[in-house]
N, C-alpha and C. Protein backbone atom coordinates (compact mmCIF):
# COMPACT_ATOMS: atom_id res chain seq x y z
N MET A 1 15.92 5.16 -18.11
CA MET A 1 15.67 5.54 -16.74
C MET A 1 14.26 6.13 -16.59
N LEU A 2 13.79 6.82 -17.62
CA LEU A 2 12.44 7.39 -17.58
C LEU A 2 11.39 6.29 -17.55
N ALA A 3 11.63 5.23 -18.29
CA ALA A 3 10.69 4.10 -18.30
C ALA A 3 10.64 3.44 -16.93
N ASP A 4 11.80 3.36 -16.28
CA ASP A 4 11.86 2.77 -14.94
C ASP A 4 11.07 3.63 -13.96
N ARG A 5 11.21 4.94 -14.07
CA ARG A 5 10.48 5.86 -13.19
C ARG A 5 8.98 5.74 -13.43
N ASP A 6 8.58 5.67 -14.70
CA ASP A 6 7.16 5.51 -15.02
C ASP A 6 6.62 4.20 -14.45
N SER A 7 7.43 3.16 -14.54
CA SER A 7 7.04 1.86 -14.01
C SER A 7 6.84 1.93 -12.50
N LEU A 8 7.77 2.61 -11.82
CA LEU A 8 7.65 2.76 -10.37
C LEU A 8 6.43 3.58 -9.99
N LEU A 9 6.17 4.63 -10.75
CA LEU A 9 4.99 5.46 -10.48
C LEU A 9 3.69 4.69 -10.69
N ARG A 10 3.65 3.87 -11.74
CA ARG A 10 2.46 3.04 -11.98
C ARG A 10 2.25 2.06 -10.82
N ARG A 11 3.33 1.42 -10.42
CA ARG A 11 3.25 0.46 -9.31
C ARG A 11 2.80 1.16 -8.02
N LEU A 12 3.34 2.35 -7.79
CA LEU A 12 2.98 3.12 -6.60
C LEU A 12 1.48 3.44 -6.61
N HIS A 13 0.98 3.82 -7.76
CA HIS A 13 -0.45 4.12 -7.89
C HIS A 13 -1.29 2.87 -7.60
N GLU A 14 -0.87 1.73 -8.12
CA GLU A 14 -1.59 0.47 -7.89
C GLU A 14 -1.61 0.12 -6.40
N LEU A 15 -0.46 0.26 -5.74
CA LEU A 15 -0.37 -0.07 -4.32
C LEU A 15 -1.23 0.86 -3.47
N ARG A 16 -1.20 2.15 -3.79
CA ARG A 16 -2.02 3.10 -3.04
C ARG A 16 -3.51 2.79 -3.22
N SER A 17 -3.89 2.43 -4.42
CA SER A 17 -5.28 2.08 -4.69
C SER A 17 -5.70 0.84 -3.89
N GLU A 18 -4.86 -0.18 -3.90
CA GLU A 18 -5.16 -1.40 -3.14
C GLU A 18 -5.23 -1.09 -1.65
N HIS A 19 -4.34 -0.22 -1.16
CA HIS A 19 -4.31 0.15 0.25
C HIS A 19 -5.63 0.82 0.64
N ARG A 20 -6.11 1.74 -0.20
CA ARG A 20 -7.40 2.40 0.06
C ARG A 20 -8.55 1.40 0.05
N ASP A 21 -8.52 0.49 -0.92
CA ASP A 21 -9.57 -0.52 -1.01
C ASP A 21 -9.59 -1.40 0.23
N LEU A 22 -8.43 -1.80 0.69
CA LEU A 22 -8.35 -2.63 1.89
C LEU A 22 -8.88 -1.88 3.10
N ASP A 23 -8.61 -0.60 3.17
CA ASP A 23 -9.11 0.22 4.27
C ASP A 23 -10.63 0.15 4.33
N THR A 24 -11.26 0.27 3.18
CA THR A 24 -12.72 0.21 3.09
C THR A 24 -13.24 -1.17 3.49
N VAL A 25 -12.61 -2.21 2.96
CA VAL A 25 -13.03 -3.58 3.25
C VAL A 25 -12.89 -3.89 4.74
N ILE A 26 -11.78 -3.48 5.32
CA ILE A 26 -11.54 -3.74 6.75
C ILE A 26 -12.59 -3.04 7.60
N ALA A 27 -12.91 -1.80 7.25
CA ALA A 27 -13.92 -1.06 8.01
C ALA A 27 -15.29 -1.75 7.92
N ARG A 28 -15.65 -2.17 6.73
CA ARG A 28 -16.96 -2.83 6.56
C ARG A 28 -17.02 -4.17 7.29
N LEU A 29 -15.95 -4.95 7.19
CA LEU A 29 -15.93 -6.24 7.86
C LEU A 29 -15.90 -6.08 9.38
N GLY A 30 -15.22 -5.05 9.84
CA GLY A 30 -15.18 -4.77 11.28
C GLY A 30 -16.55 -4.45 11.83
N GLU A 31 -17.32 -3.71 11.06
CA GLU A 31 -18.68 -3.35 11.49
C GLU A 31 -19.62 -4.54 11.49
N SER A 32 -19.39 -5.47 10.57
CA SER A 32 -20.30 -6.61 10.44
C SER A 32 -19.92 -7.77 11.35
N GLY A 33 -18.82 -7.63 12.09
CA GLY A 33 -18.41 -8.70 13.00
C GLY A 33 -17.87 -9.91 12.28
N ALA A 34 -17.05 -9.69 11.28
CA ALA A 34 -16.48 -10.78 10.48
C ALA A 34 -15.45 -11.57 11.29
N ASP A 35 -14.97 -12.61 10.67
CA ASP A 35 -13.97 -13.49 11.26
C ASP A 35 -12.72 -12.69 11.66
N PRO A 36 -12.33 -12.73 12.93
CA PRO A 36 -11.15 -11.97 13.39
C PRO A 36 -9.87 -12.37 12.66
N LEU A 37 -9.75 -13.63 12.30
CA LEU A 37 -8.55 -14.09 11.59
C LEU A 37 -8.48 -13.46 10.21
N GLN A 38 -9.62 -13.37 9.54
CA GLN A 38 -9.66 -12.73 8.23
C GLN A 38 -9.29 -11.25 8.34
N LEU A 39 -9.82 -10.57 9.35
CA LEU A 39 -9.50 -9.17 9.56
C LEU A 39 -8.01 -8.98 9.83
N GLN A 40 -7.45 -9.87 10.62
CA GLN A 40 -6.02 -9.80 10.94
C GLN A 40 -5.17 -9.95 9.67
N ARG A 41 -5.55 -10.88 8.81
CA ARG A 41 -4.82 -11.08 7.55
C ARG A 41 -4.90 -9.86 6.65
N LEU A 42 -6.09 -9.26 6.57
CA LEU A 42 -6.26 -8.07 5.75
C LEU A 42 -5.44 -6.90 6.30
N LYS A 43 -5.42 -6.76 7.61
CA LYS A 43 -4.63 -5.68 8.23
C LYS A 43 -3.14 -5.90 8.00
N LYS A 44 -2.72 -7.15 8.04
CA LYS A 44 -1.32 -7.48 7.79
C LYS A 44 -0.94 -7.15 6.34
N ARG A 45 -1.84 -7.46 5.43
CA ARG A 45 -1.61 -7.13 4.01
C ARG A 45 -1.53 -5.61 3.83
N LYS A 46 -2.39 -4.89 4.54
CA LYS A 46 -2.40 -3.43 4.45
C LYS A 46 -1.07 -2.86 4.95
N LEU A 47 -0.54 -3.40 6.04
CA LEU A 47 0.75 -2.95 6.55
C LEU A 47 1.89 -3.25 5.57
N LYS A 48 1.81 -4.40 4.94
CA LYS A 48 2.83 -4.75 3.94
C LYS A 48 2.78 -3.77 2.76
N LEU A 49 1.57 -3.43 2.35
CA LEU A 49 1.42 -2.45 1.27
C LEU A 49 2.00 -1.10 1.67
N LYS A 50 1.77 -0.72 2.92
CA LYS A 50 2.29 0.56 3.40
C LYS A 50 3.81 0.57 3.33
N ASP A 51 4.44 -0.54 3.71
CA ASP A 51 5.90 -0.64 3.63
C ASP A 51 6.39 -0.56 2.18
N GLU A 52 5.69 -1.24 1.28
CA GLU A 52 6.07 -1.19 -0.14
C GLU A 52 5.91 0.21 -0.70
N ILE A 53 4.85 0.89 -0.31
CA ILE A 53 4.61 2.27 -0.76
C ILE A 53 5.76 3.17 -0.28
N ALA A 54 6.12 3.04 0.98
CA ALA A 54 7.21 3.86 1.53
C ALA A 54 8.52 3.58 0.80
N TRP A 55 8.78 2.31 0.50
CA TRP A 55 10.01 1.95 -0.21
C TRP A 55 10.03 2.56 -1.61
N LEU A 56 8.91 2.46 -2.32
CA LEU A 56 8.83 3.03 -3.67
C LEU A 56 8.99 4.55 -3.64
N GLU A 57 8.35 5.18 -2.67
CA GLU A 57 8.46 6.64 -2.56
C GLU A 57 9.91 7.05 -2.31
N SER A 58 10.61 6.27 -1.50
CA SER A 58 12.02 6.59 -1.24
C SER A 58 12.87 6.40 -2.49
N ARG A 59 12.51 5.46 -3.34
CA ARG A 59 13.23 5.26 -4.60
C ARG A 59 12.99 6.40 -5.58
N LEU A 60 11.80 6.98 -5.53
CA LEU A 60 11.43 8.03 -6.46
C LEU A 60 11.96 9.41 -6.08
N ILE A 61 12.21 9.60 -4.79
CA ILE A 61 12.74 10.89 -4.32
C ILE A 61 14.25 10.84 -4.39
N PRO A 62 14.85 11.75 -5.16
CA PRO A 62 16.32 11.72 -5.30
C PRO A 62 17.00 12.07 -3.98
N ASP A 63 18.15 11.46 -3.76
CA ASP A 63 18.95 11.76 -2.58
C ASP A 63 19.57 13.14 -2.74
N VAL A 64 19.47 13.93 -1.67
CA VAL A 64 20.06 15.25 -1.68
C VAL A 64 21.17 15.27 -0.64
N ILE A 65 22.36 15.56 -1.09
CA ILE A 65 23.49 15.62 -0.17
C ILE A 65 23.53 17.01 0.44
N ALA A 66 23.42 17.05 1.76
CA ALA A 66 23.36 18.34 2.47
C ALA A 66 24.73 18.92 2.66
């Protein structure tokens, strides 16, 4: 179970890093007037990463019965 948790944490770190990188790329391309379709695809990828990050975080936080 510890190996699984470590694996999830590694994946979470990778996704967060990619999400930050996409943020930078989108900002730069937006300033330079890049292809709107390309920007839309990058933003869609960023949203997908955000969903994956949220899912992983929910897996890592134990359920607490109130």
